Amino acid sequence: MSDEQLKRCLQSIGMACFVKYFYKFRDPSRSSADLVELLMKEKCYEESGARVRVSQARKIISHKREVDAIRNVAAAKRVPSAVADEAKSILIKFLSP
């Protein structure tokens, strides 16, 4: 996955959504269908939008680009500070030995 593809995936998901549901997207015990239902229930997304978000998030993770994606969110200038702070927190947990 190229950097441009990663950027497009993040745009499809939404940076705030990717950060908020990061650990759920990474959890292999959660099916994609369960995640779609969760997003529809909690975020009131239409089914098609929820499916796109889940598939793009799982694509980032399957290509081992989740750290890069979280770094992009943490460095983004147009995300709320709470989202950037949560991304930084994930990075600390993810990168610490």
N, C-alpha and C. Protein backbone atom coordinates (compact mmCIF):
# COMPACT_ATOMS: atom_id res chain seq x y z
N MET A 1 0.85 -1.18 0.00
CA MET A 1 0.00 0.00 0.00
C MET A 1 0.89 1.24 0.00
N SER A 2 0.68 2.09 -0.97
CA SER A 2 1.47 3.31 -1.07
C SER A 2 0.97 4.36 -0.07
N ASP A 3 1.75 5.40 0.11
CA ASP A 3 1.34 6.49 1.00
C ASP A 3 0.06 7.15 0.49
N GLU A 4 -0.05 7.28 -0.82
CA GLU A 4 -1.25 7.90 -1.41
C GLU A 4 -2.49 7.02 -1.16
N GLN A 5 -2.33 5.71 -1.30
CA GLN A 5 -3.43 4.79 -1.02
C GLN A 5 -3.82 4.86 0.46
N LEU A 6 -2.83 4.95 1.33
CA LEU A 6 -3.09 5.08 2.76
C LEU A 6 -3.89 6.35 3.04
N LYS A 7 -3.49 7.43 2.43
CA LYS A 7 -4.18 8.71 2.60
C LYS A 7 -5.64 8.61 2.15
N ARG A 8 -5.87 7.97 1.00
CA ARG A 8 -7.23 7.81 0.50
C ARG A 8 -8.07 6.93 1.41
N CYS A 9 -7.45 5.86 1.93
CA CYS A 9 -8.18 4.99 2.88
C CYS A 9 -8.59 5.78 4.12
N LEU A 10 -7.65 6.55 4.66
CA LEU A 10 -7.97 7.35 5.85
C LEU A 10 -9.08 8.35 5.56
N GLN A 11 -9.08 8.94 4.38
CA GLN A 11 -10.14 9.88 4.01
C GLN A 11 -11.49 9.17 3.94
N SER A 12 -11.48 7.94 3.45
CA SER A 12 -12.72 7.16 3.35
C SER A 12 -13.28 6.81 4.72
N ILE A 13 -12.39 6.51 5.64
CA ILE A 13 -12.81 6.13 6.98
C ILE A 13 -13.19 7.36 7.80
N GLY A 14 -12.35 8.37 7.71
CA GLY A 14 -12.44 9.53 8.59
C GLY A 14 -11.42 9.33 9.70
N MET A 15 -10.57 10.32 9.90
CA MET A 15 -9.50 10.17 10.88
C MET A 15 -10.04 9.94 12.29
N ALA A 16 -11.07 10.69 12.66
CA ALA A 16 -11.63 10.54 14.00
C ALA A 16 -12.21 9.14 14.19
N CYS A 17 -12.89 8.62 13.18
CA CYS A 17 -13.47 7.28 13.26
C CYS A 17 -12.36 6.24 13.38
N PHE A 18 -11.30 6.38 12.60
CA PHE A 18 -10.21 5.41 12.65
C PHE A 18 -9.58 5.37 14.04
N VAL A 19 -9.39 6.53 14.63
CA VAL A 19 -8.78 6.59 15.97
C VAL A 19 -9.74 6.03 17.01
N LYS A 20 -11.00 6.47 16.97
CA LYS A 20 -11.96 6.04 17.99
C LYS A 20 -12.15 4.52 18.01
N TYR A 21 -12.18 3.92 16.85
CA TYR A 21 -12.45 2.48 16.75
C TYR A 21 -11.20 1.67 16.42
N PHE A 22 -10.03 2.26 16.58
CA PHE A 22 -8.77 1.63 16.20
C PHE A 22 -8.63 0.22 16.77
N TYR A 23 -8.79 0.08 18.07
CA TYR A 23 -8.59 -1.23 18.69
C TYR A 23 -9.67 -2.22 18.27
N LYS A 24 -10.86 -1.74 18.01
CA LYS A 24 -11.93 -2.64 17.56
C LYS A 24 -11.65 -3.10 16.12
N PHE A 25 -11.18 -2.18 15.27
CA PHE A 25 -10.83 -2.57 13.90
C PHE A 25 -9.71 -3.61 13.90
N ARG A 26 -8.78 -3.52 14.83
CA ARG A 26 -7.64 -4.43 14.90
C ARG A 26 -7.99 -5.78 15.52
N ASP A 27 -9.09 -5.86 16.22
CA ASP A 27 -9.45 -7.07 16.95
C ASP A 27 -9.94 -8.16 15.98
N PRO A 28 -9.14 -9.22 15.80
CA PRO A 28 -9.54 -10.26 14.84
C PRO A 28 -10.76 -11.07 15.29
N SER A 29 -11.11 -10.98 16.56
CA SER A 29 -12.29 -11.72 17.03
C SER A 29 -13.59 -11.01 16.65
N ARG A 30 -13.48 -9.77 16.21
CA ARG A 30 -14.68 -9.03 15.77
C ARG A 30 -14.84 -9.19 14.26
N SER A 31 -15.99 -9.65 13.87
CA SER A 31 -16.24 -9.80 12.43
C SER A 31 -16.51 -8.42 11.82
N SER A 32 -16.32 -8.34 10.54
CA SER A 32 -16.62 -7.09 9.84
C SER A 32 -18.10 -6.75 9.98
N ALA A 33 -18.95 -7.76 9.93
CA ALA A 33 -20.39 -7.52 10.07
C ALA A 33 -20.72 -6.92 11.43
N ASP A 34 -20.05 -7.42 12.49
CA ASP A 34 -20.27 -6.87 13.83
C ASP A 34 -19.82 -5.41 13.90
N LEU A 35 -18.70 -5.11 13.26
CA LEU A 35 -18.20 -3.73 13.26
C LEU A 35 -19.13 -2.80 12.48
N VAL A 36 -19.67 -3.29 11.37
CA VAL A 36 -20.62 -2.49 10.59
C VAL A 36 -21.83 -2.17 11.47
N GLU A 37 -22.35 -3.18 12.15
CA GLU A 37 -23.50 -2.97 13.05
C GLU A 37 -23.16 -1.96 14.15
N LEU A 38 -21.98 -2.08 14.71
CA LEU A 38 -21.54 -1.17 15.77
C LEU A 38 -21.51 0.27 15.27
N LEU A 39 -20.92 0.49 14.09
CA LEU A 39 -20.84 1.85 13.55
C LEU A 39 -22.23 2.39 13.22
N MET A 40 -23.09 1.53 12.72
CA MET A 40 -24.45 1.98 12.41
C MET A 40 -25.18 2.38 13.69
N LYS A 41 -24.99 1.61 14.75
CA LYS A 41 -25.67 1.87 16.02
C LYS A 41 -25.10 3.10 16.72
N GLU A 42 -23.76 3.16 16.84
CA GLU A 42 -23.14 4.22 17.63
C GLU A 42 -22.98 5.53 16.87
N LYS A 43 -22.75 5.45 15.58
CA LYS A 43 -22.46 6.66 14.80
C LYS A 43 -23.58 7.01 13.82
N CYS A 44 -24.60 6.18 13.76
CA CYS A 44 -25.73 6.40 12.85
C CYS A 44 -25.31 6.49 11.38
N TYR A 45 -24.27 5.74 11.01
CA TYR A 45 -23.87 5.67 9.62
C TYR A 45 -24.85 4.78 8.87
N GLU A 46 -25.04 5.07 7.59
CA GLU A 46 -25.78 4.16 6.73
C GLU A 46 -24.95 2.88 6.60
N GLU A 47 -25.60 1.78 6.27
CA GLU A 47 -24.88 0.51 6.16
C GLU A 47 -23.74 0.59 5.15
N SER A 48 -23.98 1.20 4.01
CA SER A 48 -22.93 1.28 2.98
C SER A 48 -21.73 2.07 3.48
N GLY A 49 -21.97 3.17 4.18
CA GLY A 49 -20.87 3.97 4.72
C GLY A 49 -20.10 3.22 5.80
N ALA A 50 -20.82 2.49 6.62
CA ALA A 50 -20.17 1.71 7.67
C ALA A 50 -19.32 0.60 7.06
N ARG A 51 -19.84 -0.04 6.00
CA ARG A 51 -19.08 -1.10 5.33
C ARG A 51 -17.79 -0.57 4.73
N VAL A 52 -17.86 0.60 4.11
CA VAL A 52 -16.66 1.21 3.53
C VAL A 52 -15.64 1.50 4.62
N ARG A 53 -16.08 2.07 5.72
CA ARG A 53 -15.15 2.40 6.82
C ARG A 53 -14.46 1.15 7.38
N VAL A 54 -15.24 0.12 7.60
CA VAL A 54 -14.67 -1.12 8.15
C VAL A 54 -13.70 -1.74 7.16
N SER A 55 -14.10 -1.84 5.90
CA SER A 55 -13.22 -2.49 4.92
C SER A 55 -11.93 -1.70 4.71
N GLN A 56 -12.00 -0.38 4.70
CA GLN A 56 -10.80 0.43 4.52
C GLN A 56 -9.90 0.36 5.75
N ALA A 57 -10.48 0.35 6.93
CA ALA A 57 -9.68 0.23 8.16
C ALA A 57 -8.98 -1.12 8.20
N ARG A 58 -9.70 -2.16 7.86
CA ARG A 58 -9.10 -3.50 7.86
C ARG A 58 -8.03 -3.63 6.77
N LYS A 59 -8.22 -2.91 5.67
CA LYS A 59 -7.22 -2.91 4.61
C LYS A 59 -5.92 -2.29 5.10
N ILE A 60 -6.02 -1.15 5.79
CA ILE A 60 -4.83 -0.50 6.36
C ILE A 60 -4.11 -1.47 7.30
N ILE A 61 -4.87 -2.13 8.14
CA ILE A 61 -4.29 -3.03 9.14
C ILE A 61 -3.68 -4.26 8.46
N SER A 62 -4.35 -4.82 7.47
CA SER A 62 -3.81 -6.00 6.80
C SER A 62 -2.53 -5.70 6.03
N HIS A 63 -2.37 -4.46 5.61
CA HIS A 63 -1.15 -4.05 4.92
C HIS A 63 -0.08 -3.54 5.90
N LYS A 64 -0.33 -3.70 7.19
CA LYS A 64 0.63 -3.30 8.24
C LYS A 64 0.98 -1.82 8.17
N ARG A 65 -0.02 -0.99 7.89
CA ARG A 65 0.20 0.45 7.79
C ARG A 65 -0.51 1.22 8.90
N GLU A 66 -0.98 0.51 9.94
CA GLU A 66 -1.74 1.18 10.99
C GLU A 66 -0.91 2.20 11.76
N VAL A 67 0.36 1.93 11.99
CA VAL A 67 1.20 2.90 12.71
C VAL A 67 1.37 4.15 11.86
N ASP A 68 1.58 3.97 10.56
CA ASP A 68 1.69 5.13 9.67
C ASP A 68 0.39 5.94 9.66
N ALA A 69 -0.74 5.24 9.64
CA ALA A 69 -2.03 5.93 9.64
C ALA A 69 -2.22 6.73 10.93
N ILE A 70 -1.89 6.13 12.05
CA ILE A 70 -2.04 6.83 13.33
C ILE A 70 -1.07 8.02 13.39
N ARG A 71 0.13 7.85 12.86
CA ARG A 71 1.07 8.98 12.80
C ARG A 71 0.50 10.12 11.97
N ASN A 72 -0.13 9.78 10.86
CA ASN A 72 -0.75 10.81 10.01
C ASN A 72 -1.83 11.57 10.76
N VAL A 73 -2.63 10.85 11.53
CA VAL A 73 -3.70 11.50 12.30
C VAL A 73 -3.09 12.40 13.38
N ALA A 74 -2.08 11.89 14.08
CA ALA A 74 -1.44 12.66 15.15
C ALA A 74 -0.82 13.95 14.62
N ALA A 75 -0.34 13.92 13.38
CA ALA A 75 0.31 15.09 12.79
C ALA A 75 -0.64 15.99 12.01
N ALA A 76 -1.86 15.55 11.82
CA ALA A 76 -2.81 16.33 11.01
C ALA A 76 -3.16 17.65 11.69
N LYS A 77 -3.26 18.67 10.90
CA LYS A 77 -3.56 20.00 11.43
C LYS A 77 -5.06 20.28 11.51
N ARG A 78 -5.85 19.52 10.77
CA ARG A 78 -7.28 19.81 10.69
C ARG A 78 -8.14 18.80 11.43
N VAL A 79 -7.58 18.16 12.44
CA VAL A 79 -8.38 17.27 13.30
C VAL A 79 -8.51 17.92 14.67
N PRO A 80 -9.59 17.65 15.37
CA PRO A 80 -9.72 18.19 16.73
C PRO A 80 -8.55 17.73 17.60
N SER A 81 -8.16 18.57 18.53
CA SER A 81 -7.01 18.24 19.38
C SER A 81 -7.24 16.95 20.16
N ALA A 82 -8.47 16.66 20.54
CA ALA A 82 -8.76 15.43 21.27
C ALA A 82 -8.45 14.20 20.41
N VAL A 83 -8.73 14.28 19.13
CA VAL A 83 -8.45 13.17 18.22
C VAL A 83 -6.94 13.00 18.06
N ALA A 84 -6.23 14.11 17.86
CA ALA A 84 -4.77 14.06 17.73
C ALA A 84 -4.14 13.52 19.01
N ASP A 85 -4.65 13.94 20.15
CA ASP A 85 -4.12 13.46 21.43
C ASP A 85 -4.34 11.96 21.60
N GLU A 86 -5.51 11.48 21.20
CA GLU A 86 -5.79 10.05 21.29
C GLU A 86 -4.88 9.27 20.34
N ALA A 87 -4.63 9.81 19.16
CA ALA A 87 -3.71 9.16 18.22
C ALA A 87 -2.30 9.09 18.82
N LYS A 88 -1.88 10.15 19.46
CA LYS A 88 -0.56 10.16 20.10
C LYS A 88 -0.50 9.12 21.23
N SER A 89 -1.58 9.00 21.96
CA SER A 89 -1.66 8.01 23.04
C SER A 89 -1.56 6.59 22.47
N ILE A 90 -2.22 6.34 21.36
CA ILE A 90 -2.14 5.03 20.72
C ILE A 90 -0.71 4.77 20.27
N LEU A 91 -0.08 5.77 19.69
CA LEU A 91 1.31 5.61 19.24
C LEU A 91 2.23 5.24 20.39
N ILE A 92 2.05 5.90 21.51
CA ILE A 92 2.89 5.61 22.69
C ILE A 92 2.71 4.16 23.12
N LYS A 93 1.46 3.70 23.18
CA LYS A 93 1.19 2.32 23.58
C LYS A 93 1.72 1.33 22.55
N PHE A 94 1.56 1.68 21.29
CA PHE A 94 1.92 0.79 20.20
C PHE A 94 3.43 0.65 20.06
N LEU A 95 4.16 1.74 20.29
CA LEU A 95 5.59 1.74 20.02
C LEU A 95 6.45 1.47 21.26
N SER A 96 5.83 1.49 22.44
CA SER A 96 6.64 1.23 23.62
C SER A 96 6.92 -0.27 23.73
N PRO A 97 8.12 -0.62 24.20
CA PRO A 97 8.50 -2.04 24.27
C PRO A 97 7.74 -2.82 25.31
